[in-house]
Amino acid sequence: MNKKVLMIAGVAMTALLGGCANTTALEESVANLGNKVDQLSAEVSSLKSDHAKMSADINDATAAALVGVAEAERANARIDNIATSYKK
């Protein structure tokens, strides 16, 4: 039983050391992932900028709509005053 454990441990260590020998592929993979992270960071930054512009446009549109509603209410009030003061 003890020999099996030692043999399994030896095979595992051999596989582990053999896997660590090929570091160039690992370095290339890490470099590729780093480039992808940089691209995604740039894209997120661009999307944040677009979001800020859209938020500002929405706020401007909301303010303009509120001004329009206030003007419409004022015009309706004037029309109501004209209609109530008109006598035949």
PDB file of N, CA and C in Angstrom:
ATOM      1  N   MET A   1       0.822  -1.180   0.000  1.00  0.00           N
ATOM      2  CA  MET A   1       0.000   0.000   0.000  1.00  0.00           C
ATOM      3  C   MET A   1       0.873   1.253   0.000  1.00  0.00           C
ATOM      4  N   ASN A   2       1.915   1.251   0.792  1.00  0.00           N
ATOM      5  CA  ASN A   2       2.811   2.390   0.903  1.00  0.00           C
ATOM      6  C   ASN A   2       3.537   2.644  -0.415  1.00  0.00           C
ATOM      7  N   LYS A   3       3.837   1.568  -1.159  1.00  0.00           N
ATOM      8  CA  LYS A   3       4.514   1.726  -2.449  1.00  0.00           C
ATOM      9  C   LYS A   3       3.588   2.376  -3.467  1.00  0.00           C
ATOM     10  N   LYS A   4       2.292   2.063  -3.403  1.00  0.00           N
ATOM     11  CA  LYS A   4       1.321   2.672  -4.325  1.00  0.00           C
ATOM     12  C   LYS A   4       1.224   4.177  -4.078  1.00  0.00           C
ATOM     13  N   VAL A   5       1.204   4.554  -2.824  1.00  0.00           N
ATOM     14  CA  VAL A   5       1.109   5.981  -2.481  1.00  0.00           C
ATOM     15  C   VAL A   5       2.347   6.717  -2.970  1.00  0.00           C
ATOM     16  N   LEU A   6       3.511   6.130  -2.767  1.00  0.00           N
ATOM     17  CA  LEU A   6       4.744   6.754  -3.229  1.00  0.00           C
ATOM     18  C   LEU A   6       4.785   6.847  -4.749  1.00  0.00           C
ATOM     19  N   MET A   7       4.279   5.803  -5.405  1.00  0.00           N
ATOM     20  CA  MET A   7       4.269   5.807  -6.867  1.00  0.00           C
ATOM     21  C   MET A   7       3.308   6.868  -7.409  1.00  0.00           C
ATOM     22  N   ILE A   8       2.141   6.973  -6.795  1.00  0.00           N
ATOM     23  CA  ILE A   8       1.164   7.990  -7.222  1.00  0.00           C
ATOM     24  C   ILE A   8       1.726   9.387  -6.974  1.00  0.00           C
ATOM     25  N   ALA A   9       2.373   9.587  -5.835  1.00  0.00           N
ATOM     26  CA  ALA A   9       2.977  10.879  -5.533  1.00  0.00           C
ATOM     27  C   ALA A   9       4.088  11.203  -6.524  1.00  0.00           C
ATOM     28  N   GLY A  10       4.880  10.196  -6.897  1.00  0.00           N
ATOM     29  CA  GLY A  10       5.943  10.415  -7.880  1.00  0.00           C
ATOM     30  C   GLY A  10       5.391  10.789  -9.235  1.00  0.00           C
ATOM     31  N   VAL A  11       4.320  10.121  -9.668  1.00  0.00           N
ATOM     32  CA  VAL A  11       3.695  10.447 -10.961  1.00  0.00           C
ATOM     33  C   VAL A  11       3.106  11.849 -10.913  1.00  0.00           C
ATOM     34  N   ALA A  12       2.488  12.192  -9.798  1.00  0.00           N
ATOM     35  CA  ALA A  12       1.900  13.528  -9.667  1.00  0.00           C
ATOM     36  C   ALA A  12       2.982  14.600  -9.709  1.00  0.00           C
ATOM     37  N   MET A  13       4.089  14.383  -9.035  1.00  0.00           N
ATOM     38  CA  MET A  13       5.178  15.364  -9.047  1.00  0.00           C
ATOM     39  C   MET A  13       5.789  15.495 -10.441  1.00  0.00           C
ATOM     40  N   THR A  14       5.919  14.374 -11.139  1.00  0.00           N
ATOM     41  CA  THR A  14       6.461  14.402 -12.498  1.00  0.00           C
ATOM     42  C   THR A  14       5.535  15.201 -13.417  1.00  0.00           C
ATOM     43  N   ALA A  15       4.233  14.952 -13.289  1.00  0.00           N
ATOM     44  CA  ALA A  15       3.267  15.682 -14.116  1.00  0.00           C
ATOM     45  C   ALA A  15       3.285  17.165 -13.775  1.00  0.00           C
ATOM     46  N   LEU A  16       3.390  17.463 -12.495  1.00  0.00           N
ATOM     47  CA  LEU A  16       3.421  18.857 -12.060  1.00  0.00           C
ATOM     48  C   LEU A  16       4.648  19.587 -12.590  1.00  0.00           C
ATOM     49  N   LEU A  17       5.804  18.944 -12.486  1.00  0.00           N
ATOM     50  CA  LEU A  17       7.033  19.565 -12.985  1.00  0.00           C
ATOM     51  C   LEU A  17       7.042  19.649 -14.507  1.00  0.00           C
ATOM     52  N   GLY A  18       6.473  18.654 -15.169  1.00  0.00           N
ATOM     53  CA  GLY A  18       6.392  18.686 -16.632  1.00  0.00           C
ATOM     54  C   GLY A  18       5.466  19.788 -17.110  1.00  0.00           C
ATOM     55  N   GLY A  19       4.414  20.032 -16.365  1.00  0.00           N
ATOM     56  CA  GLY A  19       3.483  21.095 -16.731  1.00  0.00           C
ATOM     57  C   GLY A  19       4.077  22.472 -16.556  1.00  0.00           C
ATOM     58  N   CYS A  20       4.969  22.627 -15.621  1.00  0.00           N
ATOM     59  CA  CYS A  20       5.594  23.924 -15.365  1.00  0.00           C
ATOM     60  C   CYS A  20       6.704  24.237 -16.359  1.00  0.00           C
ATOM     61  N   ALA A  21       7.160  23.248 -17.112  1.00  0.00           N
ATOM     62  CA  ALA A  21       8.271  23.459 -18.034  1.00  0.00           C
ATOM     63  C   ALA A  21       7.872  24.327 -19.216  1.00  0.00           C
ATOM     64  N   ASN A  22       6.610  24.310 -19.609  1.00  0.00           N
ATOM     65  CA  ASN A  22       6.150  25.057 -20.780  1.00  0.00           C
ATOM     66  C   ASN A  22       5.580  26.398 -20.335  1.00  0.00           C
ATOM     67  N   THR A  23       6.448  27.330 -20.050  1.00  0.00           N
ATOM     68  CA  THR A  23       5.982  28.633 -19.571  1.00  0.00           C
ATOM     69  C   THR A  23       5.747  29.635 -20.689  1.00  0.00           C
ATOM     70  N   THR A  24       6.285  29.412 -21.877  1.00  0.00           N
ATOM     71  CA  THR A  24       6.098  30.380 -22.966  1.00  0.00           C
ATOM     72  C   THR A  24       4.635  30.437 -23.387  1.00  0.00           C
ATOM     73  N   ALA A  25       3.997  29.278 -23.463  1.00  0.00           N
ATOM     74  CA  ALA A  25       2.574  29.268 -23.827  1.00  0.00           C
ATOM     75  C   ALA A  25       1.754  29.952 -22.747  1.00  0.00           C
ATOM     76  N   LEU A  26       2.117  29.721 -21.509  1.00  0.00           N
ATOM     77  CA  LEU A  26       1.423  30.368 -20.399  1.00  0.00           C
ATOM     78  C   LEU A  26       1.628  31.879 -20.436  1.00  0.00           C
ATOM     79  N   GLU A  27       2.845  32.313 -20.721  1.00  0.00           N
ATOM     80  CA  GLU A  27       3.126  33.750 -20.808  1.00  0.00           C
ATOM     81  C   GLU A  27       2.353  34.389 -21.954  1.00  0.00           C
ATOM     82  N   GLU A  28       2.260  33.702 -23.082  1.00  0.00           N
ATOM     83  CA  GLU A  28       1.490  34.231 -24.211  1.00  0.00           C
ATOM     84  C   GLU A  28       0.017  34.326 -23.855  1.00  0.00           C
ATOM     85  N   SER A  29      -0.483  33.322 -23.171  1.00  0.00           N
ATOM     86  CA  SER A  29      -1.878  33.330 -22.760  1.00  0.00           C
ATOM     87  C   SER A  29      -2.161  34.485 -21.800  1.00  0.00           C
ATOM     88  N   VAL A  30      -1.258  34.700 -20.860  1.00  0.00           N
ATOM     89  CA  VAL A  30      -1.420  35.809 -19.922  1.00  0.00           C
ATOM     90  C   VAL A  30      -1.345  37.144 -20.661  1.00  0.00           C
ATOM     91  N   ALA A  31      -0.454  37.266 -21.618  1.00  0.00           N
ATOM     92  CA  ALA A  31      -0.346  38.504 -22.394  1.00  0.00           C
ATOM     93  C   ALA A  31      -1.623  38.754 -23.195  1.00  0.00           C
ATOM     94  N   ASN A  32      -2.173  37.691 -23.803  1.00  0.00           N
ATOM     95  CA  ASN A  32      -3.420  37.830 -24.557  1.00  0.00           C
ATOM     96  C   ASN A  32      -4.565  38.253 -23.641  1.00  0.00           C
ATOM     97  N   LEU A  33      -4.619  37.640 -22.465  1.00  0.00           N
ATOM     98  CA  LEU A  33      -5.662  38.027 -21.517  1.00  0.00           C
ATOM     99  C   LEU A  33      -5.483  39.462 -21.056  1.00  0.00           C
ATOM    100  N   GLY A  34      -4.237  39.879 -20.879  1.00  0.00           N
ATOM    101  CA  GLY A  34      -3.977  41.273 -20.502  1.00  0.00           C
ATOM    102  C   GLY A  34      -4.450  42.237 -21.578  1.00  0.00           C
ATOM    103  N   ASN A  35      -4.216  41.886 -22.847  1.00  0.00           N
ATOM    104  CA  ASN A  35      -4.681  42.737 -23.952  1.00  0.00           C
ATOM    105  C   ASN A  35      -6.204  42.805 -23.979  1.00  0.00           C
ATOM    106  N   LYS A  36      -6.840  41.666 -23.745  1.00  0.00           N
ATOM    107  CA  LYS A  36      -8.313  41.655 -23.738  1.00  0.00           C
ATOM    108  C   LYS A  36      -8.858  42.503 -22.605  1.00  0.00           C
ATOM    109  N   VAL A  37      -8.219  42.440 -21.455  1.00  0.00           N
ATOM    110  CA  VAL A  37      -8.647  43.264 -20.320  1.00  0.00           C
ATOM    111  C   VAL A  37      -8.487  44.741 -20.657  1.00  0.00           C
ATOM    112  N   ASP A  38      -7.390  45.107 -21.303  1.00  0.00           N
ATOM    113  CA  ASP A  38      -7.181  46.502 -21.697  1.00  0.00           C
ATOM    114  C   ASP A  38      -8.256  46.962 -22.678  1.00  0.00           C
ATOM    115  N   GLN A  39      -8.593  46.099 -23.652  1.00  0.00           N
ATOM    116  CA  GLN A  39      -9.637  46.441 -24.622  1.00  0.00           C
ATOM    117  C   GLN A  39     -10.987  46.615 -23.927  1.00  0.00           C
ATOM    118  N   LEU A  40     -11.298  45.700 -23.009  1.00  0.00           N
ATOM    119  CA  LEU A  40     -12.566  45.806 -22.296  1.00  0.00           C
ATOM    120  C   LEU A  40     -12.606  47.046 -21.410  1.00  0.00           C
ATOM    121  N   SER A  41     -11.491  47.401 -20.830  1.00  0.00           N
ATOM    122  CA  SER A  41     -11.434  48.613 -20.007  1.00  0.00           C
ATOM    123  C   SER A  41     -11.695  49.852 -20.859  1.00  0.00           C
ATOM    124  N   ALA A  42     -11.116  49.886 -22.041  1.00  0.00           N
ATOM    125  CA  ALA A  42     -11.351  51.017 -22.947  1.00  0.00           C
ATOM    126  C   ALA A  42     -12.813  51.072 -23.371  1.00  0.00           C
ATOM    127  N   GLU A  43     -13.386  49.909 -23.634  1.00  0.00           N
ATOM    128  CA  GLU A  43     -14.793  49.869 -24.049  1.00  0.00           C
ATOM    129  C   GLU A  43     -15.705  50.317 -22.911  1.00  0.00           C
ATOM    130  N   VAL A  44     -15.421  49.882 -21.701  1.00  0.00           N
ATOM    131  CA  VAL A  44     -16.216  50.299 -20.543  1.00  0.00           C
ATOM    132  C   VAL A  44     -16.103  51.804 -20.351  1.00  0.00           C
ATOM    133  N   SER A  45     -14.923  52.341 -20.519  1.00  0.00           N
ATOM    134  CA  SER A  45     -14.727  53.779 -20.383  1.00  0.00           C
ATOM    135  C   SER A  45     -15.546  54.545 -21.424  1.00  0.00           C
ATOM    136  N   SER A  46     -15.544  54.034 -22.646  1.00  0.00           N
ATOM    137  CA  SER A  46     -16.329  54.655 -23.714  1.00  0.00           C
ATOM    138  C   SER A  46     -17.824  54.582 -23.404  1.00  0.00           C
ATOM    139  N   LEU A  47     -18.264  53.437 -22.909  1.00  0.00           N
ATOM    140  CA  LEU A  47     -19.679  53.281 -22.574  1.00  0.00           C
ATOM    141  C   LEU A  47     -20.082  54.189 -21.417  1.00  0.00           C
ATOM    142  N   LYS A  48     -19.193  54.378 -20.467  1.00  0.00           N
ATOM    143  CA  LYS A  48     -19.492  55.298 -19.364  1.00  0.00           C
ATOM    144  C   LYS A  48     -19.651  56.721 -19.877  1.00  0.00           C
ATOM    145  N   SER A  49     -18.799  57.106 -20.820  1.00  0.00           N
ATOM    146  CA  SER A  49     -18.890  58.439 -21.404  1.00  0.00           C
ATOM    147  C   SER A  49     -20.214  58.608 -22.148  1.00  0.00           C
ATOM    148  N   ASP A  50     -20.573  57.596 -22.936  1.00  0.00           N
ATOM    149  CA  ASP A  50     -21.847  57.647 -23.658  1.00  0.00           C
ATOM    150  C   ASP A  50     -23.020  57.716 -22.686  1.00  0.00           C
ATOM    151  N   HIS A  51     -22.938  56.964 -21.605  1.00  0.00           N
ATOM    152  CA  HIS A  51     -24.007  56.963 -20.610  1.00  0.00           C
ATOM    153  C   HIS A  51     -24.154  58.341 -19.971  1.00  0.00           C
ATOM    154  N   ALA A  52     -23.039  58.977 -19.678  1.00  0.00           N
ATOM    155  CA  ALA A  52     -23.089  60.314 -19.087  1.00  0.00           C
ATOM    156  C   ALA A  52     -23.732  61.310 -20.046  1.00  0.00           C
ATOM    157  N   LYS A  53     -23.398  61.207 -21.338  1.00  0.00           N
ATOM    158  CA  LYS A  53     -24.005  62.101 -22.335  1.00  0.00           C
ATOM    159  C   LYS A  53     -25.502  61.864 -22.432  1.00  0.00           C
ATOM    160  N   MET A  54     -25.900  60.589 -22.439  1.00  0.00           N
ATOM    161  CA  MET A  54     -27.325  60.280 -22.525  1.00  0.00           C
ATOM    162  C   MET A  54     -28.070  60.755 -21.291  1.00  0.00           C
ATOM    163  N   SER A  55     -27.473  60.619 -20.133  1.00  0.00           N
ATOM    164  CA  SER A  55     -28.105  61.097 -18.900  1.00  0.00           C
ATOM    165  C   SER A  55     -28.305  62.605 -18.949  1.00  0.00           C
ATOM    166  N   ALA A  56     -27.311  63.313 -19.442  1.00  0.00           N
ATOM    167  CA  ALA A  56     -27.440  64.769 -19.562  1.00  0.00           C
ATOM    168  C   ALA A  56     -28.544  65.130 -20.549  1.00  0.00           C
ATOM    169  N   ASP A  57     -28.614  64.410 -21.673  1.00  0.00           N
ATOM    170  CA  ASP A  57     -29.665  64.670 -22.659  1.00  0.00           C
ATOM    171  C   ASP A  57     -31.048  64.384 -22.075  1.00  0.00           C
ATOM    172  N   ILE A  58     -31.160  63.316 -21.295  1.00  0.00           N
ATOM    173  CA  ILE A  58     -32.438  62.983 -20.665  1.00  0.00           C
ATOM    174  C   ILE A  58     -32.842  64.068 -19.678  1.00  0.00           C
ATOM    175  N   ASN A  59     -31.872  64.547 -18.908  1.00  0.00           N
ATOM    176  CA  ASN A  59     -32.183  65.619 -17.956  1.00  0.00           C
ATOM    177  C   ASN A  59     -32.625  66.880 -18.679  1.00  0.00           C
ATOM    178  N   ASP A  60     -31.970  67.214 -19.789  1.00  0.00           N
ATOM    179  CA  ASP A  60     -32.362  68.388 -20.575  1.00  0.00           C
ATOM    180  C   ASP A  60     -33.766  68.220 -21.148  1.00  0.00           C
ATOM    181  N   ALA A  61     -34.064  67.033 -21.664  1.00  0.00           N
ATOM    182  CA  ALA A  61     -35.385  66.767 -22.233  1.00  0.00           C
ATOM    183  C   ALA A  61     -36.465  66.834 -21.153  1.00  0.00           C
ATOM    184  N   THR A  62     -36.161  66.329 -19.969  1.00  0.00           N
ATOM    185  CA  THR A  62     -37.126  66.379 -18.864  1.00  0.00           C
ATOM    186  C   THR A  62     -37.398  67.819 -18.464  1.00  0.00           C
ATOM    187  N   ALA A  63     -36.344  68.614 -18.385  1.00  0.00           N
ATOM    188  CA  ALA A  63     -36.521  70.027 -18.032  1.00  0.00           C
ATOM    189  C   ALA A  63     -37.356  70.747 -19.090  1.00  0.00           C
ATOM    190  N   ALA A  64     -37.096  70.463 -20.355  1.00  0.00           N
ATOM    191  CA  ALA A  64     -37.866  71.103 -21.430  1.00  0.00           C
ATOM    192  C   ALA A  64     -39.325  70.660 -21.375  1.00  0.00           C
ATOM    193  N   ALA A  65     -39.566  69.394 -21.073  1.00  0.00           N
ATOM    194  CA  ALA A  65     -40.946  68.904 -20.973  1.00  0.00           C
ATOM    195  C   ALA A  65     -41.677  69.579 -19.820  1.00  0.00           C
ATOM    196  N   LEU A  66     -40.999  69.770 -18.705  1.00  0.00           N
ATOM    197  CA  LEU A  66     -41.631  70.435 -17.562  1.00  0.00           C
ATOM    198  C   LEU A  66     -41.960  71.891 -17.883  1.00  0.00           C
ATOM    199  N   VAL A  67     -41.061  72.553 -18.611  1.00  0.00           N
ATOM    200  CA  VAL A  67     -41.339  73.932 -19.031  1.00  0.00           C
ATOM    201  C   VAL A  67     -42.554  73.954 -19.961  1.00  0.00           C
ATOM    202  N   GLY A  68     -42.634  72.983 -20.866  1.00  0.00           N
ATOM    203  CA  GLY A  68     -43.775  72.907 -21.780  1.00  0.00           C
ATOM    204  C   GLY A  68     -45.078  72.659 -21.046  1.00  0.00           C
ATOM    205  N   VAL A  69     -45.047  71.806 -20.040  1.00  0.00           N
ATOM    206  CA  VAL A  69     -46.252  71.543 -19.250  1.00  0.00           C
ATOM    207  C   VAL A  69     -46.676  72.799 -18.507  1.00  0.00           C
ATOM    208  N   ALA A  70     -45.722  73.511 -17.931  1.00  0.00           N
ATOM    209  CA  ALA A  70     -46.055  74.751 -17.212  1.00  0.00           C
ATOM    210  C   ALA A  70     -46.653  75.789 -18.158  1.00  0.00           C
ATOM    211  N   GLU A  71     -46.098  75.920 -19.348  1.00  0.00           N
ATOM    212  CA  GLU A  71     -46.642  76.870 -20.331  1.00  0.00           C
ATOM    213  C   GLU A  71     -48.045  76.462 -20.777  1.00  0.00           C
ATOM    214  N   ALA A  72     -48.264  75.172 -20.956  1.00  0.00           N
ATOM    215  CA  ALA A  72     -49.595  74.705 -21.359  1.00  0.00           C
ATOM    216  C   ALA A  72     -50.617  74.976 -20.264  1.00  0.00           C
ATOM    217  N   GLU A  73     -50.231  74.759 -19.009  1.00  0.00           N
ATOM    218  CA  GLU A  73     -51.144  75.046 -17.900  1.00  0.00           C
ATOM    219  C   GLU A  73     -51.451  76.538 -17.821  1.00  0.00           C
ATOM    220  N   ARG A  74     -50.437  77.361 -18.054  1.00  0.00           N
ATOM    221  CA  ARG A  74     -50.642  78.815 -18.021  1.00  0.00           C
ATOM    222  C   ARG A  74     -51.574  79.257 -19.152  1.00  0.00           C
ATOM    223  N   ALA A  75     -51.373  78.672 -20.334  1.00  0.00           N
ATOM    224  CA  ALA A  75     -52.244  79.009 -21.470  1.00  0.00           C
ATOM    225  C   ALA A  75     -53.672  78.544 -21.213  1.00  0.00           C
ATOM    226  N   ASN A  76     -53.835  77.357 -20.652  1.00  0.00           N
ATOM    227  CA  ASN A  76     -55.185  76.875 -20.339  1.00  0.00           C
ATOM    228  C   ASN A  76     -55.864  77.756 -19.304  1.00  0.00           C
ATOM    229  N   ALA A  77     -55.114  78.228 -18.333  1.00  0.00           N
ATOM    230  CA  ALA A  77     -55.682  79.124 -17.322  1.00  0.00           C
ATOM    231  C   ALA A  77     -56.146  80.422 -17.958  1.00  0.00           C
ATOM    232  N   ARG A  78     -55.364  80.956 -18.895  1.00  0.00           N
ATOM    233  CA  ARG A  78     -55.777  82.189 -19.582  1.00  0.00           C
ATOM    234  C   ARG A  78     -57.034  81.958 -20.398  1.00  0.00           C
ATOM    235  N   ILE A  79     -57.094  80.835 -21.083  1.00  0.00           N
ATOM    236  CA  ILE A  79     -58.287  80.521 -21.894  1.00  0.00           C
ATOM    237  C   ILE A  79     -59.496  80.356 -20.988  1.00  0.00           C
ATOM    238  N   ASP A  80     -59.316  79.693 -19.855  1.00  0.00           N
ATOM    239  CA  ASP A  80     -60.421  79.542 -18.903  1.00  0.00           C
ATOM    240  C   ASP A  80     -60.890  80.894 -18.398  1.00  0.00           C
ATOM    241  N   ASN A  81     -59.961  81.813 -18.136  1.00  0.00           N
ATOM    242  CA  ASN A  81     -60.339  83.155 -17.674  1.00  0.00           C
ATOM    243  C   ASN A  81     -61.099  83.904 -18.753  1.00  0.00           C
ATOM    244  N   ILE A  82     -60.699  83.761 -19.987  1.00  0.00           N
ATOM    245  CA  ILE A  82     -61.393  84.428 -21.089  1.00  0.00           C
ATOM    246  C   ILE A  82     -62.804  83.856 -21.226  1.00  0.00           C
ATOM    247  N   ALA A  83     -62.932  82.543 -21.132  1.00  0.00           N
ATOM    248  CA  ALA A  83     -64.228  81.904 -21.301  1.00  0.00           C
ATOM    249  C   ALA A  83     -65.184  82.270 -20.169  1.00  0.00           C
ATOM    250  N   THR A  84     -64.697  82.413 -18.945  1.00  0.00           N
ATOM    251  CA  THR A  84     -65.587  82.743 -17.832  1.00  0.00           C
ATOM    252  C   THR A  84     -65.950  84.230 -17.848  1.00  0.00           C
ATOM    253  N   SER A  85     -65.114  85.061 -18.376  1.00  0.00           N
ATOM    254  CA  SER A  85     -65.419  86.492 -18.372  1.00  0.00           C
ATOM    255  C   SER A  85     -66.244  86.902 -19.587  1.00  0.00           C
ATOM    256  N   TYR A  86     -66.421  86.049 -20.552  1.00  0.00           N
ATOM    257  CA  TYR A  86     -67.183  86.362 -21.760  1.00  0.00           C
ATOM    258  C   TYR A  86     -68.658  86.276 -21.435  1.00  0.00           C
ATOM    259  N   LYS A  87     -69.390  87.351 -21.727  1.00  0.00           N
ATOM    260  CA  LYS A  87     -70.832  87.368 -21.528  1.00  0.00           C
ATOM    261  C   LYS A  87     -71.488  87.763 -22.815  1.00  0.00           C
ATOM    262  N   LYS A  88     -72.564  87.121 -23.074  1.00  0.00           N
ATOM    263  CA  LYS A  88     -73.293  87.376 -24.306  1.00  0.00           C
ATOM    264  C   LYS A  88     -74.308  88.456 -24.118  1.00  0.00           C
TER     265      LYS A  88
END
